[in-house]
């Protein structure tokens, strides 16, 4: 087999909304503790395990700024200790219960859970209770690369003012740098949502006048970001702009570059998700390149019809022993009744993970072989997923990833496992095409409907008004001359950032936590109003009322995030 048929990039997007100090279960801090125990700590162990086999995992992982802030917080660290102790006690209680009822298989599974939680606690203590620092170590040792994102995972294409986009990206980039010790050169745009430049952009609500908007790619070079990720359908609908020569200079399109003949166009590789492409809104030399998620590999994991996690041998996610209990059953039948589930067998599940990893590697190799045969160029398969799929939603996910990385390595280099940054700068696979991408996301039908719809349009009305209010105060308030004004304005800015999180409309549309999404959005809108009232008083030298003191302290206690954000980001 050709030794240079292409590259494989495993990309994981780690994100949770800000839940510290905002409830525990079923929605709130429990999300964060579950993600840490079932996904982030196992991923850390997985990277070291793969390295012990003499293999560099070259994982590309994004940990959103709002997630990093939470993982680094003392409340999270202490809370996770309590959570692990409670889970261990729960497993011990279950084991005794199952032993009394003579259910030996379930008792054994409960003792297995007990050992898992004890080992996880030992791991957490061993890394100094500092998950971000451990990811930073892996980056320094060259085992992984990291991505940044918008500060609170705002849905960037629909923000009203470009200064809001710039602020989300600036606060995000600085937070990533502070926690992980280096600037990221790649970014996971929230929800893979992208927008090119528009001369007359129209907001989805409030009947506002149209306005010119810059393409999202123009905001990234200021933060030394040179690549992003989109769903494959954005490549499929892209417009060729120009080509790049061997020196990276932009060249105008020639007829043979965009031949109308479908076969010739495919041979040239236009719009292929197996090649990175420059991103511009008008012809020219790109500063930023895009990688497309590979459809076939995505389907193998995500699809509820052919996806691996739905296999009968894997652990059933939805059935628990009690409302907040542990999982003891296997999928059995993905469409069967919950009470018909059978006992989980870890050995069967491990064997199935190996089998599926081998199949996945064949899919990767076949795709790269076809692309190489068709174009004569090495391609890239970007397998991009939400990190929480591996371990949390799919218990065997980390074992699957381990087998994928080791299997590809054992194939003697026919496919190179690389980070996206390494792939982008691979001289043999340097991008030579430039596209104008359409607007879209990785959501339902590839557009914005998950985040703006009849259920959520009212949220954007509030967001837009508050964007304008904050930007006006950044331009008018004397925050550069007075520390008290700067402190008050930062408080309002933090609430606006939290209000802008894409998570609140998402959980409303998906039905996963409708009440929680509405509650959190309304809470941050209220706190923004209160912070702005406090700011007005500070600017005018009016002492805070007793009620405002309580409100200020409540905001500072519950929403302690991005403490030193730079207000100049909104200018």
Protein backbone atom coordinates (compact mmCIF):
# COMPACT_ATOMS: atom_id res chain seq x y z
CA UNK A 1 0.00 0.00 0.00
CA UNK A 2 1.21 3.54 -0.77
CA UNK A 3 2.95 4.96 2.27
CA UNK A 4 1.54 8.44 1.73
CA UNK A 5 -2.12 8.00 0.90
CA UNK A 6 -3.06 10.60 3.50
CA UNK A 7 -3.62 11.70 7.07
CA UNK A 8 -6.11 10.88 9.78
CA UNK A 9 -7.05 13.59 12.28
CA UNK A 10 -9.03 12.72 15.39
CA UNK A 11 -10.69 15.91 16.61
CA UNK A 12 -12.72 16.12 19.82
CA UNK A 13 -14.77 19.11 20.90
CA UNK A 14 -15.07 19.38 24.68
CA UNK A 15 -17.75 21.75 25.90
CA UNK A 16 -20.24 22.28 28.70
CA UNK A 17 -22.14 25.45 29.53
CA UNK A 18 -21.40 27.29 32.74
CA UNK A 19 -23.10 25.20 35.42
CA UNK A 20 -20.99 25.84 38.52
CA UNK A 21 -23.16 27.38 41.27
CA UNK A 22 -26.25 26.77 39.13
CA UNK A 23 -27.96 23.69 40.51
CA UNK A 24 -26.72 20.13 40.79
CA UNK A 25 -29.05 17.40 39.53
CA UNK A 26 -30.57 16.57 37.11
CA UNK A 27 -29.30 19.73 35.42
CA UNK A 28 -26.34 21.69 36.65
CA UNK A 29 -23.06 20.64 38.23
CA UNK A 30 -23.83 16.94 37.80
CA UNK A 31 -23.25 17.45 34.05
CA UNK A 32 -19.75 18.71 34.77
CA UNK A 33 -18.86 15.96 37.25
CA UNK A 34 -20.13 13.25 34.90
CA UNK A 35 -18.15 14.67 31.99
CA UNK A 36 -14.96 14.84 34.05
CA UNK A 37 -15.28 11.30 35.40
CA UNK A 38 -16.56 9.60 32.27
CA UNK A 39 -14.81 11.56 29.50
CA UNK A 40 -12.00 13.99 30.40
CA UNK A 41 -10.13 11.93 32.98
CA UNK A 42 -10.40 8.77 30.81
CA UNK A 43 -9.09 10.74 27.80
CA UNK A 44 -6.09 11.88 29.82
CA UNK A 45 -5.37 8.31 30.83
CA UNK A 46 -5.92 7.14 27.27
CA UNK A 47 -3.33 9.53 25.85
CA UNK A 48 -0.68 8.35 28.31
CA UNK A 49 -1.60 4.71 27.68
CA UNK A 50 -1.21 5.09 23.91
CA UNK A 51 2.11 6.87 24.42
CA UNK A 52 3.31 3.96 26.59
CA UNK A 53 2.87 1.75 23.52
CA UNK A 54 5.36 3.96 21.69
CA UNK A 55 2.61 5.71 19.71
CA UNK A 56 2.09 9.45 19.59
CA UNK A 57 -1.69 9.88 19.75
CA UNK A 58 -1.70 13.29 18.00
CA UNK A 59 -5.20 14.02 19.25
CA UNK A 60 -6.59 17.45 18.42
CA UNK A 61 -8.86 18.49 21.26
CA UNK A 62 -10.81 21.62 21.95
CA UNK A 63 -11.71 22.46 25.52
CA UNK A 64 -13.94 25.50 25.36
CA UNK A 65 -12.92 28.51 27.46
CA UNK A 66 -16.05 28.25 29.60
CA UNK A 67 -15.24 24.59 30.25
CA UNK A 68 -11.62 25.36 31.16
CA UNK A 69 -12.75 28.03 33.62
CA UNK A 70 -14.95 25.49 35.38
CA UNK A 71 -12.44 22.64 35.43
CA UNK A 72 -9.86 24.96 37.00
CA UNK A 73 -12.20 26.28 39.70
CA UNK A 74 -11.81 25.17 43.32
CA UNK A 75 -15.54 24.55 43.63
CA UNK A 76 -15.30 22.00 40.85
CA UNK A 77 -12.26 20.31 42.38
CA UNK A 78 -13.87 19.91 45.78
CA UNK A 79 -17.21 18.99 44.25
CA UNK A 80 -15.66 16.24 42.15
CA UNK A 81 -14.12 14.67 45.25
CA UNK A 82 -17.53 14.60 46.90
CA UNK A 83 -19.11 13.25 43.72
CA UNK A 84 -16.60 10.39 43.44
CA UNK A 85 -17.03 9.49 47.09
CA UNK A 86 -20.82 9.43 46.63
CA UNK A 87 -20.52 7.28 43.51
CA UNK A 88 -18.26 4.85 45.35
CA UNK A 89 -20.75 4.59 48.19
CA UNK A 90 -23.55 4.08 45.70
CA UNK A 91 -21.68 1.20 44.08
CA UNK A 92 -21.01 -0.40 47.47
CA UNK A 93 -24.67 -0.08 48.42
CA UNK A 94 -25.76 -1.62 45.12
CA UNK A 95 -23.32 -4.51 45.54
CA UNK A 96 -24.74 -5.38 48.94
CA UNK A 97 -28.29 -5.10 47.60
CA UNK A 98 -27.55 -7.38 44.65
CA UNK A 99 -25.72 -9.88 46.86
CA UNK A 100 -28.72 -10.11 49.19
CA UNK A 101 -31.03 -10.78 46.25
CA UNK A 102 -28.69 -13.38 44.74
CA UNK A 103 -27.98 -11.41 41.55
CA UNK A 104 -24.33 -12.36 41.22
CA UNK A 105 -23.67 -10.74 37.83
CA UNK A 106 -25.08 -7.40 38.97
CA UNK A 107 -23.16 -7.59 42.26
CA UNK A 108 -19.94 -8.16 40.32
CA UNK A 109 -20.74 -5.18 38.08
CA UNK A 110 -21.34 -3.02 41.15
CA UNK A 111 -17.94 -3.99 42.59
CA UNK A 112 -16.47 -3.15 39.19
CA UNK A 113 -18.03 0.32 39.42
CA UNK A 114 -16.56 0.67 42.92
CA UNK A 115 -13.04 -0.06 41.63
CA UNK A 116 -13.53 2.33 38.70
CA UNK A 117 -14.46 5.23 40.95
CA UNK A 118 -11.61 4.49 43.35
CA UNK A 119 -9.10 4.48 40.47
CA UNK A 120 -10.58 7.70 39.09
CA UNK A 121 -10.19 9.38 42.47
CA UNK A 122 -6.58 8.22 42.63
CA UNK A 123 -5.96 9.63 39.14
CA UNK A 124 -7.55 12.96 40.03
CA UNK A 125 -5.38 13.28 43.13
CA UNK A 126 -2.28 12.18 41.19
CA UNK A 127 -2.66 15.04 38.70
CA UNK A 128 -3.09 17.56 41.50
CA UNK A 129 -6.84 17.83 40.84
CA UNK A 130 -5.95 19.99 37.82
CA UNK A 131 -7.41 18.65 34.58
CA UNK A 132 -6.49 21.68 32.41
CA UNK A 133 -2.87 21.49 33.59
CA UNK A 134 -2.73 17.83 32.56
CA UNK A 135 -3.96 18.63 29.06
CA UNK A 136 -1.34 21.38 28.97
CA UNK A 137 1.33 18.83 29.88
CA UNK A 138 0.26 16.53 27.07
CA UNK A 139 0.45 19.47 24.67
CA UNK A 140 3.97 20.41 25.83
CA UNK A 141 5.10 16.81 25.42
CA UNK A 142 3.84 16.80 21.83
CA UNK A 143 1.18 14.14 22.40
CA UNK A 144 -1.83 16.34 21.57
CA UNK A 145 -2.72 19.72 20.13
CA UNK A 146 -5.39 22.02 21.53
CA UNK A 147 -8.07 24.21 20.00
CA UNK A 148 -9.72 27.34 21.28
CA UNK A 149 -13.32 28.50 20.84
CA UNK A 150 -15.62 31.42 21.57
CA UNK A 151 -15.68 32.34 25.25
CA UNK A 152 -19.09 30.92 26.15
CA UNK A 153 -19.86 29.01 22.95
CA UNK A 154 -21.96 31.81 21.46
CA UNK A 155 -23.65 31.20 18.13
CA UNK A 156 -21.41 33.63 16.27
CA UNK A 157 -23.14 34.02 12.87
CA UNK A 158 -26.26 35.46 14.50
CA UNK A 159 -24.72 37.88 16.97
CA UNK A 160 -25.90 41.37 16.08
CA UNK A 161 -22.68 43.36 16.19
CA UNK A 162 -19.25 42.33 14.93
CA UNK A 163 -17.79 43.73 18.14
CA UNK A 164 -19.67 41.00 20.02
CA UNK A 165 -18.09 38.39 17.74
CA UNK A 166 -14.65 39.92 18.31
CA UNK A 167 -15.15 39.94 22.09
CA UNK A 168 -16.27 36.31 22.24
CA UNK A 169 -13.18 35.28 20.27
CA UNK A 170 -10.75 37.53 22.15
CA UNK A 171 -11.89 36.42 25.60
CA UNK A 172 -11.88 32.82 24.40
CA UNK A 173 -8.36 32.95 22.97
CA UNK A 174 -6.95 34.61 26.09
CA UNK A 175 -8.63 32.07 28.38
CA UNK A 176 -7.25 29.15 26.37
CA UNK A 177 -3.78 30.66 26.51
CA UNK A 178 -4.01 31.24 30.26
CA UNK A 179 -5.14 27.71 31.12
CA UNK A 180 -3.22 25.68 28.55
CA UNK A 181 -0.03 27.70 28.37
CA UNK A 182 0.00 28.46 24.66
CA UNK A 183 -2.03 30.09 21.93
CA UNK A 184 -4.10 27.66 19.88
CA UNK A 185 -3.72 27.86 16.10
CA UNK A 186 -7.04 26.09 15.49
CA UNK A 187 -10.55 26.94 16.57
CA UNK A 188 -13.76 25.00 16.94
CA UNK A 189 -16.42 27.53 15.98
CA UNK A 190 -19.41 26.87 18.26
CA UNK A 191 -21.82 24.45 16.61
CA UNK A 192 -19.48 24.51 13.55
CA UNK A 193 -21.49 27.61 12.64
CA UNK A 194 -19.93 29.80 9.95
CA UNK A 195 -20.93 32.96 8.10
CA UNK A 196 -19.21 34.55 5.10
CA UNK A 197 -19.23 38.29 4.56
CA UNK A 198 -22.55 39.82 3.61
CA UNK A 199 -22.99 43.39 2.29
CA UNK A 200 -26.54 43.56 3.63
CA UNK A 201 -27.01 41.08 6.47
CA UNK A 202 -30.48 40.86 7.98
CA UNK A 203 -31.01 39.88 11.61
CA UNK A 204 -33.51 37.06 12.21
CA UNK A 205 -35.62 39.19 14.52
CA UNK A 206 -36.59 42.73 15.56
CA UNK A 207 -36.93 43.96 11.94
CA UNK A 208 -33.65 45.83 12.15
CA UNK A 209 -32.09 47.55 9.14
CA UNK A 210 -29.70 45.43 7.11
CA UNK A 211 -26.02 45.97 7.76
CA UNK A 212 -22.71 44.80 6.28
CA UNK A 213 -21.11 41.91 8.14
CA UNK A 214 -17.58 40.52 7.93
CA UNK A 215 -16.91 36.85 7.31
CA UNK A 216 -15.99 34.98 10.48
CA UNK A 217 -12.61 34.08 8.98
CA UNK A 218 -11.53 37.74 9.18
CA UNK A 219 -11.62 37.76 13.00
CA UNK A 220 -9.23 34.85 13.49
CA UNK A 221 -5.76 36.00 12.32
CA UNK A 222 -5.62 38.55 15.16
CA UNK A 223 -5.42 35.57 17.51
CA UNK A 224 -2.92 33.61 15.37
CA UNK A 225 -5.64 31.15 14.38
CA UNK A 226 -5.16 29.61 10.94
CA UNK A 227 -7.74 26.82 10.76
CA UNK A 228 -11.30 25.96 11.68
CA UNK A 229 -13.81 23.13 11.20
CA UNK A 230 -17.10 22.94 9.32
CA UNK A 231 -19.58 20.26 8.44
CA UNK A 232 -19.11 18.60 5.06
CA UNK A 233 -22.21 20.14 3.50
CA UNK A 234 -20.57 23.58 3.66
CA UNK A 235 -17.83 22.28 1.38
CA UNK A 236 -20.40 20.73 -0.92
CA UNK A 237 -22.16 24.08 -1.32
CA UNK A 238 -19.00 26.18 -1.56
CA UNK A 239 -18.03 28.46 -4.45
CA UNK A 240 -14.48 28.16 -5.87
CA UNK A 241 -12.68 31.49 -5.54
CA UNK A 242 -9.13 30.87 -6.69
CA UNK A 243 -6.18 28.49 -6.41
CA UNK A 244 -2.87 28.66 -4.55
CA UNK A 245 0.48 27.99 -6.18
CA UNK A 246 3.37 26.10 -4.59
CA UNK A 247 4.48 29.27 -2.80
CA UNK A 248 1.00 29.89 -1.39
CA UNK A 249 0.25 32.85 -3.65
CA UNK A 250 -3.31 33.30 -4.92
CA UNK A 251 -3.87 32.57 -8.58
CA UNK A 252 -7.02 33.31 -10.60
CA UNK A 253 -9.23 30.44 -11.61
CA UNK A 254 -8.69 28.86 -15.00
CA UNK A 255 -11.35 26.95 -16.94
CA UNK A 256 -9.59 23.67 -16.24
CA UNK A 257 -9.60 24.42 -12.51
CA UNK A 258 -13.39 24.31 -12.28
CA UNK A 259 -14.30 22.11 -15.20
CA UNK A 260 -18.06 21.65 -15.52
CA UNK A 261 -17.44 17.99 -16.14
CA UNK A 262 -18.17 16.31 -12.82
CA UNK A 263 -15.46 13.69 -13.28
CA UNK A 264 -12.77 16.26 -14.03
CA UNK A 265 -13.88 18.43 -11.10
CA UNK A 266 -13.73 15.45 -8.76
CA UNK A 267 -10.27 14.59 -10.09
CA UNK A 268 -9.14 18.09 -9.20
CA UNK A 269 -10.55 17.64 -5.68
CA UNK A 270 -12.86 20.65 -5.54
CA UNK A 271 -15.26 20.63 -2.60
CA UNK A 272 -13.85 17.36 -1.31
CA UNK A 273 -14.11 16.88 2.46
CA UNK A 274 -10.80 15.01 2.18
CA UNK A 275 -8.81 18.18 1.51
CA UNK A 276 -8.48 21.33 3.57
CA UNK A 277 -9.29 24.53 1.68
CA UNK A 278 -8.62 28.21 2.14
CA UNK A 279 -11.59 30.24 3.36
CA UNK A 280 -12.32 33.69 1.92
CA UNK A 281 -15.40 35.76 1.28
CA UNK A 282 -13.83 37.28 -1.87
CA UNK A 283 -11.01 36.04 -4.14
CA UNK A 284 -7.53 36.35 -2.65
CA UNK A 285 -4.93 34.72 -0.47
CA UNK A 286 -6.55 33.09 2.58
CA UNK A 287 -5.32 33.56 6.12
CA UNK A 288 -7.52 30.76 7.44
CA UNK A 289 -8.18 27.23 6.19
CA UNK A 290 -11.10 24.92 6.85
CA UNK A 291 -11.26 21.20 7.51
CA UNK A 292 -14.52 19.39 6.81
CA UNK A 293 -15.84 16.63 9.02
CA UNK A 294 -15.68 13.38 7.10
CA UNK A 295 -19.25 12.12 6.50
CA UNK A 296 -18.62 8.36 6.46
CA UNK A 297 -16.60 8.21 9.66
CA UNK A 298 -19.06 10.55 11.36
CA UNK A 299 -21.98 8.34 10.42
CA UNK A 300 -20.24 5.22 11.75
CA UNK A 301 -20.23 6.78 15.20
CA UNK A 302 -23.20 9.19 15.26
CA UNK A 303 -25.93 7.42 13.30
CA UNK A 304 -28.70 5.89 15.38
CA UNK A 305 -29.15 3.31 12.60
CA UNK A 306 -25.64 2.17 11.69
CA UNK A 307 -23.59 3.82 14.44
CA UNK A 308 -21.38 1.60 16.56
CA UNK A 309 -22.69 2.75 20.00
CA UNK A 310 -26.12 1.26 19.29
CA UNK A 311 -24.71 -2.29 19.19
CA UNK A 312 -26.46 -4.70 21.53
CA UNK A 313 -23.29 -5.52 23.52
CA UNK A 314 -22.50 -1.98 24.61
CA UNK A 315 -23.56 -0.47 27.92
CA UNK A 316 -27.06 0.99 27.89
CA UNK A 317 -26.93 4.72 28.63
CA UNK A 318 -30.55 5.42 29.46
CA UNK A 319 -31.36 2.71 32.01
CA UNK A 320 -30.00 3.29 35.51
CA UNK A 321 -30.46 1.61 38.86
CA UNK A 322 -32.58 4.34 40.39
CA UNK A 323 -33.12 7.93 39.17
CA UNK A 324 -29.47 8.94 39.61
CA UNK A 325 -28.02 5.46 39.80
CA UNK A 326 -25.40 3.42 38.01
CA UNK A 327 -25.72 1.53 34.74
CA UNK A 328 -25.78 -2.28 34.82
CA UNK A 329 -27.42 -3.21 31.54
CA UNK A 330 -26.42 -3.55 27.92
CA UNK A 331 -28.22 -2.08 24.91
CA UNK A 332 -29.67 -5.51 24.05
CA UNK A 333 -32.05 -3.98 21.51
CA UNK A 334 -31.65 -0.31 20.61
CA UNK A 335 -35.40 -0.02 20.07
CA UNK A 336 -36.51 -2.39 22.82
CA UNK A 337 -38.21 -1.60 26.10
CA UNK A 338 -36.06 -0.52 29.02
CA UNK A 339 -37.22 -3.37 31.27
CA UNK A 340 -36.16 -5.90 28.62
CA UNK A 341 -32.49 -4.96 28.83
CA UNK A 342 -30.06 -7.73 29.78
CA UNK A 343 -27.06 -7.61 32.11
CA UNK A 344 -23.95 -5.92 30.77
CA UNK A 345 -20.88 -8.03 29.95
CA UNK A 346 -17.68 -5.92 29.83
CA UNK A 347 -15.72 -8.65 28.00
CA UNK A 348 -18.24 -8.80 25.17
CA UNK A 349 -18.26 -5.00 24.96
CA UNK A 350 -14.44 -4.85 24.83
CA UNK A 351 -14.35 -7.38 22.00
CA UNK A 352 -16.96 -5.41 20.11
CA UNK A 353 -14.97 -2.17 20.55
CA UNK A 354 -11.93 -3.85 18.97
CA UNK A 355 -14.05 -5.12 16.09
CA UNK A 356 -15.59 -1.71 15.46
CA UNK A 357 -12.22 0.04 15.69
CA UNK A 358 -10.86 -2.28 13.01
CA UNK A 359 -13.87 -1.56 10.80
CA UNK A 360 -13.45 2.18 11.36
CA UNK A 361 -9.80 2.01 10.29
CA UNK A 362 -10.82 0.23 7.09
CA UNK A 363 -13.31 3.02 6.36
CA UNK A 364 -10.55 5.60 6.86
CA UNK A 365 -8.07 3.76 4.66
CA UNK A 366 -10.60 3.11 1.91
CA UNK A 367 -11.60 6.78 1.78
CA UNK A 368 -7.98 7.92 1.54
CA UNK A 369 -7.11 5.29 -1.05
CA UNK A 370 -10.01 6.37 -3.27
CA UNK A 371 -9.10 10.02 -2.94
CA UNK A 372 -5.44 9.34 -3.71
CA UNK A 373 -6.32 7.23 -6.74
CA UNK A 374 -8.71 9.89 -8.00
CA UNK A 375 -6.59 13.00 -7.46
CA UNK A 376 -3.03 11.79 -7.03
CA UNK A 377 -2.92 13.79 -3.81
CA UNK A 378 -2.80 12.67 -0.18
CA UNK A 379 -6.09 13.38 1.54
CA UNK A 380 -7.16 13.91 5.12
CA UNK A 381 -9.95 12.23 7.03
CA UNK A 382 -11.10 14.50 9.85
CA UNK A 383 -13.10 12.47 12.36
CA UNK A 384 -14.61 15.19 14.53
CA UNK A 385 -16.97 14.51 17.42
CA UNK A 386 -18.24 15.92 20.68
CA UNK A 387 -15.78 14.68 23.30
CA UNK A 388 -18.54 13.57 25.66
CA UNK A 389 -19.65 10.93 23.20
CA UNK A 390 -16.59 8.95 24.27
CA UNK A 391 -17.04 7.65 27.79
CA UNK A 392 -20.17 9.50 28.83
CA UNK A 393 -22.72 8.67 26.14
CA UNK A 394 -20.76 5.68 24.87
CA UNK A 395 -19.04 3.93 27.76
CA UNK A 396 -16.70 1.96 25.49
CA UNK A 397 -15.78 5.06 23.46
CA UNK A 398 -12.31 5.58 25.00
CA UNK A 399 -11.42 1.92 24.38
CA UNK A 400 -12.59 2.33 20.79
CA UNK A 401 -10.35 5.39 20.32
CA UNK A 402 -7.37 3.56 21.82
CA UNK A 403 -7.81 0.70 19.38
CA UNK A 404 -8.21 3.08 16.42
CA UNK A 405 -4.96 4.89 17.23
CA UNK A 406 -3.01 1.70 17.87
CA UNK A 407 -4.44 -0.08 14.82
CA UNK A 408 -3.56 2.72 12.44
CA UNK A 409 -0.05 2.76 13.89
CA UNK A 410 0.29 -1.00 13.41
CA UNK A 411 -0.60 -0.59 9.72
CA UNK A 412 2.98 0.69 9.29
CA UNK A 413 2.23 4.24 8.31
CA UNK A 414 -0.11 3.79 5.35
CA UNK A 415 -2.18 6.45 7.09
CA UNK A 416 -0.39 9.06 9.16
CA UNK A 417 -2.16 10.03 12.39
CA UNK A 418 -1.58 13.76 12.76
CA UNK A 419 -3.03 16.80 14.42
CA UNK A 420 -4.84 19.21 12.16
CA UNK A 421 -2.04 21.75 12.63
CA UNK A 422 0.52 19.19 11.46
CA UNK A 423 -1.66 18.25 8.50
CA UNK A 424 -2.19 21.86 7.45
CA UNK A 425 1.56 22.37 7.21
CA UNK A 426 2.34 19.02 5.58
CA UNK A 427 4.26 20.03 2.42
CA UNK A 428 2.85 17.04 0.52
CA UNK A 429 -0.75 17.95 1.30
CA UNK A 430 -0.60 21.73 1.32
CA UNK A 431 -4.06 23.14 0.41
CA UNK A 432 -4.16 24.51 -3.12
CA UNK A 433 -7.81 25.58 -3.42
CA UNK A 434 -9.73 28.51 -1.97
CA UNK A 435 -13.49 28.51 -1.34
CA UNK A 436 -16.25 30.86 -0.30
CA UNK A 437 -18.25 28.75 2.14
CA UNK A 438 -22.00 29.20 2.49
CA UNK A 439 -23.61 30.06 5.79
CA UNK A 440 -24.49 27.09 7.98
CA UNK A 441 -23.82 24.81 10.95
CA UNK A 442 -23.66 21.15 11.91
CA UNK A 443 -27.17 21.34 13.31
CA UNK A 444 -30.42 19.99 11.92
CA UNK A 445 -30.59 20.54 8.14
CA UNK A 446 -27.28 22.35 8.33
CA UNK A 447 -28.66 25.84 8.98
CA UNK A 448 -29.53 27.99 12.01
CA UNK A 449 -32.97 26.57 12.81
CA UNK A 450 -31.89 24.76 15.98
CA UNK A 451 -30.83 28.07 17.55
CA UNK A 452 -33.34 30.54 16.12
CA UNK A 453 -36.93 29.38 15.72
CA UNK A 454 -40.40 30.12 17.01
CA UNK A 455 -39.46 28.74 20.44
CA UNK A 456 -36.35 30.89 20.83
CA UNK A 457 -36.87 34.06 18.77
CA UNK A 458 -37.72 36.01 21.92
CA UNK A 459 -34.25 35.21 23.27
CA UNK A 460 -32.57 36.92 20.33
CA UNK A 461 -34.65 40.08 20.88
CA UNK A 462 -33.25 40.28 24.40
CA UNK A 463 -29.72 39.39 23.27
CA UNK A 464 -29.66 42.08 20.61
CA UNK A 465 -30.86 44.83 22.93
CA UNK A 466 -28.32 43.87 25.55
CA UNK A 467 -25.47 43.68 23.01
CA UNK A 468 -26.20 47.27 22.05
CA UNK A 469 -26.42 48.41 25.67
CA UNK A 470 -23.04 46.95 26.60
CA UNK A 471 -21.24 48.22 23.49
CA UNK A 472 -22.61 51.69 24.13
CA UNK A 473 -21.27 51.67 27.70
CA UNK A 474 -17.86 50.37 26.61
CA UNK A 475 -17.63 53.40 24.32
CA UNK A 476 -19.00 55.93 26.85
CA UNK A 477 -18.17 54.87 30.40
CA UNK A 478 -14.83 56.06 31.88
CA UNK A 479 -13.58 52.54 32.58
CA UNK A 480 -10.01 53.27 31.48
CA UNK A 481 -9.68 55.99 34.12
CA UNK A 482 -11.66 54.51 36.99
CA UNK A 483 -11.16 51.03 38.40
CA UNK A 484 -14.60 51.01 40.03
CA UNK A 485 -16.25 51.63 36.67
CA UNK A 486 -14.11 48.96 34.99
CA UNK A 487 -15.07 46.43 37.67
CA UNK A 488 -18.77 47.22 37.28
CA UNK A 489 -18.60 47.07 33.49
CA UNK A 490 -16.76 43.73 33.55
CA UNK A 491 -19.56 42.32 35.70
CA UNK A 492 -22.10 43.29 33.05
CA UNK A 493 -19.87 41.96 30.27
CA UNK A 494 -19.59 38.56 31.97
CA UNK A 495 -23.36 38.32 32.20
CA UNK A 496 -23.72 39.19 28.52
CA UNK A 497 -21.19 36.50 27.59
CA UNK A 498 -23.11 33.92 29.62
CA UNK A 499 -26.38 35.10 28.11
CA UNK A 500 -24.96 34.55 24.61
CA UNK A 501 -24.22 30.82 25.14
CA UNK A 502 -25.66 28.70 22.33
CA UNK A 503 -26.59 26.06 24.91
CA UNK A 504 -29.75 27.79 26.15
CA UNK A 505 -31.63 27.82 22.81
CA UNK A 506 -30.21 24.38 22.02
CA UNK A 507 -31.63 22.62 25.09
CA UNK A 508 -34.97 24.34 24.48
CA UNK A 509 -35.20 23.20 20.86
CA UNK A 510 -33.89 19.69 21.58
CA UNK A 511 -36.28 19.23 24.49
CA UNK A 512 -33.44 17.98 26.66
CA UNK A 513 -33.84 20.59 29.40
CA UNK A 514 -36.41 23.16 28.31
CA UNK A 515 -37.17 24.61 31.74
CA UNK A 516 -33.49 24.78 32.64
CA UNK A 517 -32.59 26.57 29.40
CA UNK A 518 -35.33 29.17 29.88
CA UNK A 519 -34.45 29.59 33.55
CA UNK A 520 -30.75 30.12 32.88
CA UNK A 521 -31.31 32.55 30.02
CA UNK A 522 -33.80 34.59 32.05
CA UNK A 523 -31.46 34.55 35.05
CA UNK A 524 -28.51 35.96 33.11
CA UNK A 525 -30.74 38.54 31.42
CA UNK A 526 -31.93 39.67 34.86
CA UNK A 527 -28.40 39.78 36.23
CA UNK A 528 -27.24 41.76 33.20
CA UNK A 529 -29.97 44.34 33.89
CA UNK A 530 -28.91 44.53 37.54
CA UNK A 531 -25.23 44.85 36.62
CA UNK A 532 -26.05 47.66 34.21
CA UNK A 533 -28.05 49.47 36.90
CA UNK A 534 -25.13 49.13 39.31
CA UNK A 535 -22.80 50.43 36.59
CA UNK A 536 -24.98 53.51 36.05
CA UNK A 537 -24.83 54.32 39.75
CA UNK A 538 -21.06 53.84 39.91
CA UNK A 539 -20.54 56.10 36.89
CA UNK A 540 -22.69 58.82 38.50
CA UNK A 541 -21.20 58.49 41.97
CA UNK A 542 -24.43 57.19 43.50
CA UNK A 543 -23.88 54.73 46.35
CA UNK A 544 -25.40 51.29 45.92
CA UNK A 545 -28.57 50.52 47.81
CA UNK A 546 -28.64 47.65 50.27
CA UNK A 547 -30.53 45.61 47.65
CA UNK A 548 -27.91 46.36 44.99
CA UNK A 549 -25.14 45.24 47.33
CA UNK A 550 -26.90 41.90 47.72
CA UNK A 551 -27.42 41.68 43.96
CA UNK A 552 -23.77 42.49 43.26
CA UNK A 553 -22.55 39.87 45.72
CA UNK A 554 -24.94 37.29 44.29
CA UNK A 555 -23.63 37.89 40.76
CA UNK A 556 -20.00 37.76 41.85
CA UNK A 557 -20.55 34.59 43.87
CA UNK A 558 -22.44 32.60 41.24
CA UNK A 559 -20.92 33.83 37.98
CA UNK A 560 -17.23 33.96 38.89
CA UNK A 561 -15.82 33.51 35.40
CA UNK A 562 -13.39 35.43 33.14
CA UNK A 563 -12.38 37.59 36.10
CA UNK A 564 -9.94 39.83 34.21
CA UNK A 565 -11.55 40.03 30.79
CA UNK A 566 -10.38 42.91 28.61
CA UNK A 567 -13.15 45.41 27.95
CA UNK A 568 -11.24 46.68 24.93
CA UNK A 569 -12.38 43.52 23.16
CA UNK A 570 -15.76 45.21 22.59
CA UNK A 571 -14.29 48.36 21.01
